[in-house]
Amino acid sequence: MTPPDNPAGAYVPEEGYGAARREELIRDVEAAPARLRAAVAGLTDAQLDTRYKNWTARQIVHHLAHSHANAYVRFKLALTEEVPTIKPYDEGRWVSLPDARGGDVAAPLALLDGLHACWAQMLRAMSEAEFTRTYFHPEYGKAVSLSAALSNYAWHGRHHTGQIEWLRNAHGWGR
């Protein structure tokens, strides 16, 4: 069976949404670590090393920690500097490092717990005007608003957790 490209649905960019939608997205960010933890709960090493397209479930967990740590820093930079240029990273090479290929998922899950709690606290403390602040993404050649970034990263957590949930369902790995 071929895994779908977007098990949690395709990303639809959002920007300029209201306070109610913003709170939904913040709740998604806040809940992402628990959803991911539930998705990998009870999986064996062999199951964690099962591929979903290019990456294993284990690498997906590590990728979420890498990506969201970078996202948190990008938010902080945009809140404290005028249109900072962020540092892109090669996510494929990061998940190819030994820790992501074979490391225990407990550490990135713990990182995500604390990181997302801090991130949600920061997001709720931000003013509406602060969500219009931007950072420059050199790979895309454009400025990204924090409002758009919040939408993207809320989806990103659902997307990759959905990949692991798809593996569980496709292989009959019960909970």
Foldseek 3Di string as FASTA:
>chain_A
DAADPFLLDDQDFDDPDDPVVLVVLLVLLLCLLVLLCVLCPPPDQVQQLDDNVPGGVLLLLVLLLVVLVQVLVQLVCLLPDQQAEGDDDDSVVVCVDPCSNRNDSPVSSVSSNVSSVVSSVVSVPDDPVSQQGWHAYVVVRGTDGNRRSSSVSSSSSVRSSSSSNVSCVVVVPDD
